[in-house]
Protein backbone atom coordinates (compact mmCIF):
# COMPACT_ATOMS: atom_id res chain seq x y z
CA MET A 1 0.00 0.00 0.00
CA ILE A 2 1.37 3.38 -1.00
CA ARG A 3 1.23 5.99 1.73
CA TYR A 4 0.70 9.45 0.33
CA PRO A 5 2.51 12.22 2.20
CA SER A 6 0.36 15.12 3.29
CA PHE A 7 0.84 18.28 1.26
CA CYS A 8 1.13 21.23 3.56
CA SER A 9 0.56 24.90 2.87
CA PRO A 10 3.81 26.73 2.09
CA ILE A 11 5.26 28.80 4.89
CA CYS A 12 5.26 32.43 3.84
CA CYS A 13 7.87 34.82 5.07
CA LEU A 14 7.51 38.55 5.29
CA ALA A 15 11.23 39.05 5.53
CA CYS A 16 11.54 39.66 1.81
CA GLY A 17 8.53 41.29 0.38
CA GLY A 18 5.47 43.35 0.99
CA LEU A 19 7.35 46.61 0.43
CA LEU A 20 4.15 48.58 0.18
CA LEU A 21 2.88 47.10 3.41
CA LEU A 22 6.06 48.23 5.11
CA LEU A 23 5.27 51.78 4.17
CA LEU A 24 2.21 51.66 6.40
CA MET A 25 4.37 52.34 9.42
CA THR A 26 2.84 55.61 10.43
CA THR A 27 0.07 56.44 12.85
CA VAL A 28 -3.14 56.50 10.85
CA GLN A 29 -5.20 59.62 11.23
CA SER A 30 -8.99 59.82 11.14
CA GLN A 31 -9.19 60.87 7.53
CA PRO A 32 -11.21 59.67 4.56
CA TYR A 33 -9.44 57.38 2.13
CA VAL A 34 -10.33 56.90 -1.50
CA ASP A 35 -11.68 53.53 -2.54
CA ARG A 36 -8.87 51.59 -4.21
CA LEU A 37 -11.36 49.79 -6.42
CA GLN A 38 -12.51 53.17 -7.71
CA ILE A 39 -8.90 54.14 -8.43
CA ALA A 40 -8.44 50.86 -10.31
CA ASP A 41 -11.65 51.45 -12.26
CA MET A 42 -10.45 54.92 -13.32
CA LEU A 43 -7.31 53.31 -14.73
CA VAL A 44 -9.08 50.47 -16.51
CA GLN A 45 -11.61 52.91 -17.97
CA LYS A 46 -8.66 55.09 -19.08
CA ASN A 47 -10.00 58.11 -17.22
CA TYR A 48 -6.51 59.54 -16.85
CA SER A 49 -7.62 63.12 -16.26
CA LYS A 50 -9.70 62.06 -13.28
CA LEU A 51 -6.79 59.99 -11.97
CA GLU A 52 -4.53 63.01 -12.29
CA ASP A 53 -6.97 65.23 -10.41
CA THR A 54 -7.57 62.69 -7.64
CA LEU A 55 -3.95 61.82 -6.99
CA THR A 56 -2.44 65.26 -7.38
CA ASN A 57 -5.07 66.74 -5.07
CA LEU A 58 -4.13 64.18 -2.42
CA GLN A 59 -0.45 65.02 -2.89
CA LYS A 60 -1.14 68.75 -2.61
CA ALA A 61 -3.08 68.14 0.60
CA TYR A 62 -0.03 66.35 2.04
CA GLU A 63 2.31 69.13 0.94
CA SER A 64 0.13 71.56 2.88
CA ASP A 65 -0.34 69.27 5.89
CA TYR A 66 2.03 66.35 6.57
CA ARG A 67 -0.74 64.56 8.48
CA GLN A 68 -2.40 63.76 5.14
CA GLU A 69 0.54 61.57 4.08
CA ASN A 70 -1.36 58.32 4.64
CA ALA A 71 -4.15 59.26 2.25
CA VAL A 72 -1.60 59.58 -0.58
CA LEU A 73 -0.01 56.25 0.28
CA PHE A 74 -3.33 54.45 0.51
CA ALA A 75 -4.45 55.69 -2.90
CA PHE A 76 -1.23 54.72 -4.70
CA GLU A 77 -1.33 51.22 -3.24
CA ALA A 78 -4.21 50.58 -5.62
CA PHE A 79 -1.56 50.10 -8.33
CA ALA A 80 0.13 47.25 -6.44
CA SER A 81 -1.94 44.83 -8.45
CA THR A 82 -1.55 41.92 -10.84
CA ASP A 83 -4.53 43.02 -12.92
CA PRO A 84 -3.31 42.28 -16.47
CA SER A 85 -5.28 45.22 -17.89
CA PHE A 86 -3.18 47.65 -15.85
CA ARG A 87 0.01 47.28 -17.86
CA ALA A 88 -1.14 48.80 -21.16
CA ALA A 89 -3.26 51.40 -19.35
CA LEU A 90 -0.29 52.58 -17.27
CA ASP A 91 1.89 52.87 -20.37
CA GLU A 92 -0.82 54.89 -22.09
CA TRP A 93 -1.26 57.12 -19.04
CA VAL A 94 2.49 57.88 -19.01
CA ALA A 95 2.42 58.57 -22.76
CA THR A 96 -0.60 60.84 -22.39
CA PHE A 97 0.81 62.71 -19.39
CA PRO A 98 4.60 62.40 -19.77
CA THR A 99 5.31 65.05 -17.11
CA SER A 100 2.99 63.46 -14.56
CA TYR A 101 4.84 62.26 -11.45
CA ALA A 102 1.70 60.31 -10.51
CA ALA A 103 1.68 58.29 -13.73
CA HIS A 104 5.34 57.29 -13.38
CA LEU A 105 4.92 56.48 -9.69
CA ALA A 106 1.84 54.35 -10.33
CA ARG A 107 3.65 52.36 -13.03
CA GLY A 108 6.68 51.97 -10.76
CA ILE A 109 4.51 50.56 -7.97
CA TYR A 110 2.92 48.15 -10.43
CA GLN A 111 6.38 46.99 -11.56
CA MET A 112 7.65 46.75 -7.97
CA HIS A 113 4.69 44.57 -7.03
CA HIS A 114 5.40 42.25 -9.94
CA GLY A 115 9.03 42.05 -8.83
CA GLU A 116 7.96 40.92 -5.38
CA ILE A 117 5.45 38.48 -6.85
CA ALA A 118 8.22 37.04 -9.03
CA ARG A 119 10.53 36.58 -6.08
CA GLY A 120 7.93 35.11 -3.75
CA TYR A 121 8.01 35.48 0.01
CA GLY A 122 10.10 32.51 1.03
CA TYR A 123 13.54 32.65 2.60
CA ILE A 124 16.44 33.13 0.21
CA SER A 125 17.28 29.42 0.57
CA GLU A 126 13.82 28.66 -0.85
CA THR A 127 14.19 31.09 -3.77
CA ASN A 128 15.59 29.90 -7.09
CA ASP A 129 17.69 31.79 -9.63
CA LYS A 130 14.81 32.21 -12.07
CA GLN A 131 12.76 33.98 -9.40
CA LEU A 132 15.62 36.35 -8.59
CA GLU A 133 16.29 37.05 -12.26
CA GLU A 134 12.64 37.95 -12.88
CA MET A 135 12.54 40.06 -9.72
CA ASN A 136 15.57 42.09 -10.83
CA TYR A 137 13.99 42.68 -14.24
CA TYR A 138 10.90 44.26 -12.69
CA LEU A 139 12.78 46.16 -9.98
CA SER A 140 15.05 47.74 -12.58
CA ARG A 141 12.05 49.00 -14.52
CA ALA A 142 10.37 50.19 -11.32
CA THR A 143 13.46 52.13 -10.28
CA THR A 144 13.47 54.04 -13.56
CA ASP A 145 9.90 55.15 -12.92
CA PHE A 146 10.54 56.05 -9.28
CA LEU A 147 13.51 58.23 -10.24
CA GLU A 148 11.45 59.98 -12.90
CA ALA A 149 8.58 60.53 -10.44
CA ILE A 150 11.05 62.10 -7.99
CA ARG A 151 12.55 64.28 -10.71
CA LEU A 152 9.06 65.55 -11.49
CA ASN A 153 8.05 66.00 -7.83
CA GLU A 154 10.65 65.71 -5.06
CA ARG A 155 7.89 66.01 -2.47
CA SER A 156 6.54 62.57 -3.33
CA THR A 157 7.26 60.58 -0.18
CA VAL A 158 5.69 57.47 -1.70
CA ALA A 159 8.22 57.56 -4.55
CA TRP A 160 11.13 58.09 -2.15
CA SER A 161 10.03 55.30 0.18
CA ASN A 162 9.62 52.83 -2.68
CA LEU A 163 13.08 53.73 -3.95
CA LEU A 164 14.46 53.14 -0.46
CA GLY A 165 12.56 49.87 -0.34
CA TRP A 166 14.29 48.68 -3.49
CA SER A 167 17.70 49.80 -2.22
CA LYS A 168 17.63 47.40 0.71
CA TYR A 169 18.25 44.53 -1.71
CA GLN A 170 21.63 46.10 -2.48
CA LEU A 171 22.73 45.99 1.19
CA ASP A 172 24.58 49.26 0.57
CA HIS A 173 23.91 51.29 3.73
CA PRO A 174 26.23 54.26 3.02
CA ASN A 175 24.41 55.01 -0.26
CA MET A 176 21.11 54.25 1.44
CA ARG A 177 21.85 56.99 3.96
CA VAL A 178 22.65 59.44 1.17
CA LEU A 179 19.31 58.59 -0.40
CA LEU A 180 17.53 59.09 2.93
CA ASP A 181 19.12 62.49 3.53
CA ARG A 182 18.12 63.68 0.08
CA ALA A 183 14.56 62.41 0.58
CA LEU A 184 14.20 64.15 3.94
CA SER A 185 15.69 67.41 2.63
CA ASN A 186 12.38 67.96 0.85
CA ASN A 187 10.16 66.06 3.29
CA SER A 188 11.54 66.67 6.78
CA ASN A 189 8.25 65.71 8.46
CA SER A 190 7.73 62.46 6.55
CA SER A 191 7.10 59.41 8.68
CA VAL A 192 6.67 57.12 5.66
CA ILE A 193 10.25 57.69 4.50
CA ARG A 194 11.66 57.12 7.99
CA ARG A 195 9.70 53.91 8.41
CA GLN A 196 11.15 52.43 5.25
CA TYR A 197 14.68 53.40 6.23
CA ALA A 198 14.17 51.90 9.70
CA PHE A 199 13.03 48.68 8.05
CA ASN A 200 16.20 48.66 5.94
CA LEU A 201 18.30 48.83 9.13
CA GLN A 202 17.18 45.41 10.31
CA PRO A 203 20.05 42.92 10.68
CA LYS A 204 18.59 40.68 7.97
CA TRP A 205 19.10 43.54 5.51
CA GLY A 206 22.69 44.26 6.57
CA GLY A 207 21.88 46.76 9.31
CA SER A 208 22.17 46.35 13.07
CA LEU A 209 20.19 46.98 16.24
CA ALA A 210 22.72 49.65 17.20
CA GLN A 211 22.18 51.50 13.90
CA LEU A 212 18.45 51.23 14.34
CA LYS A 213 18.56 52.59 17.88
CA ASN A 214 20.73 55.52 16.77
CA PHE A 215 18.32 56.34 13.96
CA ILE A 216 15.35 56.23 16.34
CA ASN A 217 17.13 58.61 18.72
CA GLU A 218 17.98 60.89 15.81
CA SER A 219 14.34 60.94 14.67
CA ASN A 220 13.13 61.78 18.19
CA LEU A 221 14.39 65.31 17.54
CA TYR A 222 11.44 65.79 15.18
CA LEU A 223 8.75 64.56 17.58
CA LYS A 224 7.56 68.06 18.44
CA ILE A 225 7.01 68.75 14.77
CA ASN A 226 5.53 65.35 13.89
CA PRO A 227 4.14 63.36 16.86
CA ASN A 228 3.50 60.43 14.51
CA LEU A 229 7.21 59.62 14.73
CA LYS A 230 6.72 58.23 18.23
CA ILE A 231 5.80 54.98 16.53
CA LEU A 232 9.50 54.57 15.71
CA ARG A 233 10.08 53.81 19.39
CA GLY A 234 8.17 50.58 18.90
CA TYR A 235 10.18 49.64 15.87
CA TYR A 236 13.12 48.44 17.94
CA HIS A 237 10.85 45.85 19.59
CA TYR A 238 9.30 45.02 16.23
CA THR A 239 12.78 44.17 14.95
CA LEU A 240 13.58 42.05 18.01
CA ALA A 241 10.30 40.22 17.45
CA ASP A 242 11.26 39.54 13.86
CA ILE A 243 14.63 38.15 14.94
CA HIS A 244 12.83 35.74 17.29
CA LYS A 245 10.44 34.80 14.48
CA GLN A 246 13.33 33.86 12.20
CA ALA A 247 14.48 31.48 14.93
CA ASP A 248 10.94 30.04 15.25
CA GLN A 249 10.68 31.54 18.73
CA TYR A 250 7.15 32.81 18.40
CA GLN A 251 6.40 33.15 22.11
CA GLN A 252 9.39 35.47 22.53
CA ALA A 253 8.37 37.28 19.33
CA LEU A 254 4.93 37.84 20.83
CA VAL A 255 6.43 39.42 23.96
CA GLU A 256 8.44 41.91 21.87
CA ILE A 257 5.65 42.74 19.43
CA ASN A 258 3.33 43.51 22.34
CA LYS A 259 5.89 46.10 23.45
CA ALA A 260 5.82 47.56 19.95
CA VAL A 261 2.02 47.71 19.95
CA ALA A 262 2.16 49.48 23.32
CA SER A 263 3.94 52.37 21.60
CA GLY A 264 0.78 53.01 19.59
CA ASP A 265 -1.84 50.97 17.77
CA HIS A 266 0.08 51.00 14.56
CA PRO A 267 -1.44 48.73 11.89
CA TRP A 268 1.84 47.05 10.93
CA PHE A 269 2.63 46.10 14.52
CA ILE A 270 -0.90 44.73 14.91
CA TRP A 271 -0.54 42.78 11.66
CA SER A 272 2.74 41.26 12.82
CA ARG A 273 1.23 40.25 16.15
CA GLY A 274 -1.60 38.58 14.29
CA GLN A 275 0.93 36.61 12.26
CA TYR A 276 2.66 35.41 15.41
CA GLN A 277 -0.66 34.45 16.97
CA TYR A 278 -1.47 32.50 13.80
CA ALA A 279 1.87 30.68 13.94
CA LEU A 280 1.10 29.74 17.56
CA LYS A 281 -2.36 28.49 16.48
CA HIS A 282 -4.07 31.20 18.50
CA TYR A 283 -6.55 31.71 15.71
CA ARG A 284 -9.14 33.75 17.61
CA GLU A 285 -6.48 36.21 18.76
CA ALA A 286 -5.03 36.35 15.25
CA LEU A 287 -8.46 37.07 13.81
CA SER A 288 -8.94 39.94 16.26
CA ASP A 289 -5.65 41.51 15.12
CA PHE A 290 -6.43 41.12 11.43
CA ASP A 291 -9.86 42.67 12.02
CA ALA A 292 -8.19 45.60 13.80
CA PHE A 293 -5.74 46.11 10.95
CA LEU A 294 -8.43 46.09 8.28
CA THR A 295 -10.52 48.54 10.28
CA ILE A 296 -7.61 50.99 10.28
CA TRP A 297 -6.26 50.19 6.81
CA PRO A 298 -8.86 48.40 4.65
CA GLN A 299 -8.56 46.72 1.25
CA GLN A 300 -5.10 45.25 1.91
CA PRO A 301 -4.87 41.98 -0.08
CA GLU A 302 -2.12 40.38 2.04
CA VAL A 303 -4.09 40.88 5.24
CA LEU A 304 -7.37 39.81 3.68
CA ASP A 305 -5.57 36.65 2.56
CA LYS A 306 -4.23 35.93 6.04
CA ARG A 307 -7.62 36.58 7.62
CA ALA A 308 -9.18 34.21 5.08
CA ARG A 309 -6.67 31.53 6.06
CA THR A 310 -7.54 32.15 9.69
CA TYR A 311 -11.24 31.72 8.93
CA ARG A 312 -10.34 28.45 7.22
CA LYS A 313 -8.62 27.25 10.37
CA LEU A 314 -11.72 28.25 12.36
CA GLN A 315 -13.92 26.32 9.92
CA GLN A 316 -15.70 29.40 8.66
CA PRO A 317 -15.41 28.88 4.89
CA GLN A 318 -17.99 31.48 3.82
CA GLN A 319 -16.09 34.27 5.55
CA ALA A 320 -12.83 32.95 4.10
CA PHE A 321 -14.17 32.97 0.55
CA ALA A 322 -15.57 36.48 1.02
CA ASP A 323 -12.12 37.78 1.99
CA TRP A 324 -10.44 36.02 -0.91
CA ASP A 325 -13.06 37.37 -3.32
CA LEU A 326 -12.24 40.96 -2.27
CA ALA A 327 -8.49 40.34 -2.22
CA LEU A 328 -8.64 38.93 -5.76
CA ARG A 329 -10.65 41.89 -7.01
CA LEU A 330 -7.73 44.03 -5.86
CA ASP A 331 -4.95 41.67 -6.96
CA PRO A 332 -6.49 39.11 -9.34
CA LEU A 333 -3.45 37.07 -10.43
CA ASN A 334 -1.52 37.09 -7.16
CA PRO A 335 -0.21 33.51 -7.00
CA SER A 336 -0.29 33.30 -3.20
CA LEU A 337 -3.94 34.34 -3.01
CA ARG A 338 -4.91 31.81 -5.67
CA LEU A 339 -2.87 29.05 -4.05
CA HIS A 340 -4.28 29.61 -0.57
CA ARG A 341 -7.86 29.64 -1.83
CA ALA A 342 -7.14 26.42 -3.72
CA TYR A 343 -6.34 24.69 -0.42
CA LEU A 344 -9.83 25.45 0.87
CA TYR A 345 -11.46 24.28 -2.36
CA LYS A 346 -9.40 21.08 -2.09
CA GLN A 347 -10.41 20.66 1.54
CA GLN A 348 -14.06 20.93 0.51
CA GLY A 349 -13.59 18.36 -2.26
CA ASP A 350 -14.09 20.93 -5.03
CA TYR A 351 -11.09 19.77 -7.02
CA ARG A 352 -12.15 21.47 -10.25
CA ARG A 353 -12.09 24.95 -8.68
CA ALA A 354 -8.93 24.09 -6.76
CA LYS A 355 -7.11 23.15 -9.94
CA ARG A 356 -8.41 26.25 -11.74
CA ASP A 357 -6.98 28.47 -9.01
CA VAL A 358 -3.64 26.66 -9.08
CA GLU A 359 -3.43 26.98 -12.86
CA GLN A 360 -4.16 30.71 -12.61
CA ALA A 361 -1.51 30.97 -9.89
CA LEU A 362 0.98 29.70 -12.47
CA THR A 363 0.27 32.72 -14.71
CA LEU A 364 2.70 34.78 -12.62
CA GLY A 365 4.09 31.99 -10.45
CA SER A 366 5.53 29.60 -13.01
CA ASN A 367 8.95 29.88 -11.34
CA ARG A 368 7.61 28.81 -7.94
CA ASP A 369 8.15 25.16 -7.16
CA ASN A 370 5.43 25.02 -4.49
CA ILE A 371 2.71 25.92 -7.00
CA TRP A 372 3.78 23.17 -9.39
CA ALA A 373 3.90 20.78 -6.45
CA MET A 374 0.38 21.74 -5.37
CA LYS A 375 -0.85 21.20 -8.93
CA GLY A 376 0.85 17.80 -8.97
CA ALA A 377 -0.65 16.82 -5.62
CA LEU A 378 -4.15 17.63 -6.86
CA GLU A 379 -3.60 15.66 -10.05
CA LEU A 380 -2.05 12.71 -8.26
CA PHE A 381 -4.06 12.32 -5.08
CA SER A 382 -7.42 13.88 -5.94
CA LEU A 383 -7.95 13.64 -9.70
CA ASN A 384 -5.89 10.53 -10.55
CA HIS A 385 -4.38 12.34 -13.54
CA TYR A 386 -1.04 10.57 -13.29
CA THR A 387 0.56 11.84 -16.50
CA ASP A 388 -0.23 15.46 -15.63
CA ALA A 389 0.97 14.86 -12.07
CA ALA A 390 4.29 13.45 -13.25
CA GLN A 391 4.84 16.51 -15.47
CA SER A 392 3.97 18.91 -12.63
CA PHE A 393 6.36 17.29 -10.17
CA GLU A 394 9.07 17.25 -12.81
CA GLN A 395 8.66 21.03 -13.10
CA ALA A 396 8.80 21.40 -9.31
CA ILE A 397 11.99 19.33 -9.16
CA GLU A 398 13.62 21.41 -11.90
CA LEU A 399 13.04 24.51 -9.79
CA ARG A 400 13.99 22.95 -6.44
CA PRO A 401 15.87 19.68 -6.89
CA ASN A 402 16.81 19.25 -3.22
CA GLN A 403 13.19 18.88 -2.04
CA ALA A 404 12.85 15.19 -1.16
CA ALA A 405 9.04 15.11 -1.13
CA TYR A 406 8.89 16.13 -4.78
CA TRP A 407 11.01 13.14 -5.83
CA TYR A 408 8.80 10.80 -3.82
CA GLN A 409 5.57 12.16 -5.28
CA TRP A 410 7.03 12.10 -8.78
CA GLY A 411 7.96 8.48 -8.11
CA VAL A 412 4.39 7.65 -7.03
CA ALA A 413 3.02 9.16 -10.25
CA LEU A 414 5.55 7.20 -12.35
CA TYR A 415 4.68 4.03 -10.40
CA TYR A 416 1.05 4.33 -11.46
CA LEU A 417 2.16 5.00 -15.03
CA LYS A 418 4.34 1.85 -14.91
CA ASP A 419 7.28 4.02 -15.93
CA CYS A 420 10.65 2.58 -14.95
CA GLY A 421 11.86 6.11 -14.21
CA VAL A 422 10.28 5.49 -10.83
CA ILE A 423 13.47 3.75 -9.71
CA ASN A 424 15.62 6.81 -10.29
CA SER A 425 13.14 9.12 -8.59
CA LEU A 426 12.78 6.94 -5.51
CA GLU A 427 16.54 6.40 -5.27
CA MET A 428 16.99 10.18 -5.29
CA TYR A 429 14.29 10.46 -2.63
CA ILE A 430 16.12 7.98 -0.38
CA ALA A 431 19.44 9.77 -0.95
CA LEU A 432 17.94 13.12 0.06
CA CYS A 433 16.27 11.50 3.06
CA ASP A 434 19.65 10.20 4.25
CA ILE A 435 21.05 13.75 4.00
CA THR A 436 18.21 15.67 5.61
CA ASP A 437 16.85 13.01 7.99
CA GLU A 438 13.45 14.70 7.64
CA CYS A 439 11.51 12.13 5.62
CA ASP A 440 8.53 10.04 6.58
CA ASP A 441 9.72 6.59 7.71
CA GLU A 442 6.78 4.73 6.18
CA ALA A 443 7.19 6.47 2.82
CA ALA A 444 10.93 5.77 2.87
CA ASP A 445 10.34 2.07 3.68
CA TRP A 446 7.81 1.76 0.85
CA SER A 447 10.28 3.41 -1.54
CA ARG A 448 13.04 0.94 -0.67
CA GLN A 449 10.68 -2.01 -1.14
CA ALA A 450 9.40 -0.62 -4.43
CA ILE A 451 12.95 -0.22 -5.75
CA GLU A 452 13.82 -3.83 -4.86
CA THR A 453 10.69 -5.11 -6.56
CA LEU A 454 10.90 -2.99 -9.69
CA VAL A 455 14.58 -3.65 -10.41
CA ALA A 456 13.64 -7.15 -11.55
CA TYR A 457 11.13 -5.82 -14.09
CA CYS A 458 12.93 -2.77 -15.44
CA PRO A 459 15.93 -3.01 -17.76
CA ALA A 460 19.20 -1.75 -16.39
């Protein structure tokens, strides 16, 4: 009897991604925000003049009153989307309004988002060369647009912060500081710019806790001018929490993030606490934090996705699907959103919809091994489509050849196809098991027995 290994949801990591979310690190004022879906509709309908009026008016409001900075940020996040109709519309907007900082910034954010989607949110050890190559392609294009947006309007804190966000990948802190000083020379009261720079100072990005503490102390000089900067005091504890998270020390991470939250109910700190609660399987507490975040900062696809996954854990599928429906209206081809919803469809036995979501996830996630593996698992264990399953696992292995489970599942598919390649795949599985010592004993025993049996029937 073949024992099928369970196929678990991929572990997502916020260490390398979500640049736009990172820019949220500023106390949110009681101010009206535009509806991001309306912003998206203006773009799709090619109503560029209305877009210009809406976005430039928000920018002018910030330039007159720094407390309006969040409203600008919130509106521009509408362009962090995988909507395929955006690309041509953004190019046309730039061509129609070539001196518009807003048009260049919007296109840069769109490109930046695609760069992050290409990379994925796993640790660098889980990221293949194709993902990094595609990420760099998009980030290079985004940088060109951010620089042009800044040239056209040096008061655009959203452009500066995105440029700083990209620079962290270079791990070049001296030049990063030069960039920060230039950004603040025109935006001395900006909290958005300082938040991004503080994020860049985390040890995982080549900074240090000492550098972070010095920067927080330096920024305290501006507290009388901009009280919102008090949130920076919590950022030190946020960083300590993240260090604990990287070591899988979620209880310690929770202690530190609570200290960060105590500095002010900042949405990003609340979001991080919710993630730690989720990792600890405190789903009710996690749900409360995600609700709080979305009350302060609505229409955020990443948070809607995590809340949907929390609802799934709490066996509330209708609420989960409602969150995914909204998230996918905002970011329709985001591979992670599609993949996570597919797990719930699979759990409910709706394999047709599960496979459709996985296939759509491959539109922008074809370089992600976990999506190919999920597709293969559906085809192998749920649909009995063994040829398709074998091809999917072969793709997953090409992208991540050191993942033992992929070789085993490929071997199972080949076994059903009576393909003698099963011997090679199971031998590789056993070899990787011996190296990692992380494989299922029953699956490994079956593999050894299968190899012994099949050797007699397959030519050398």
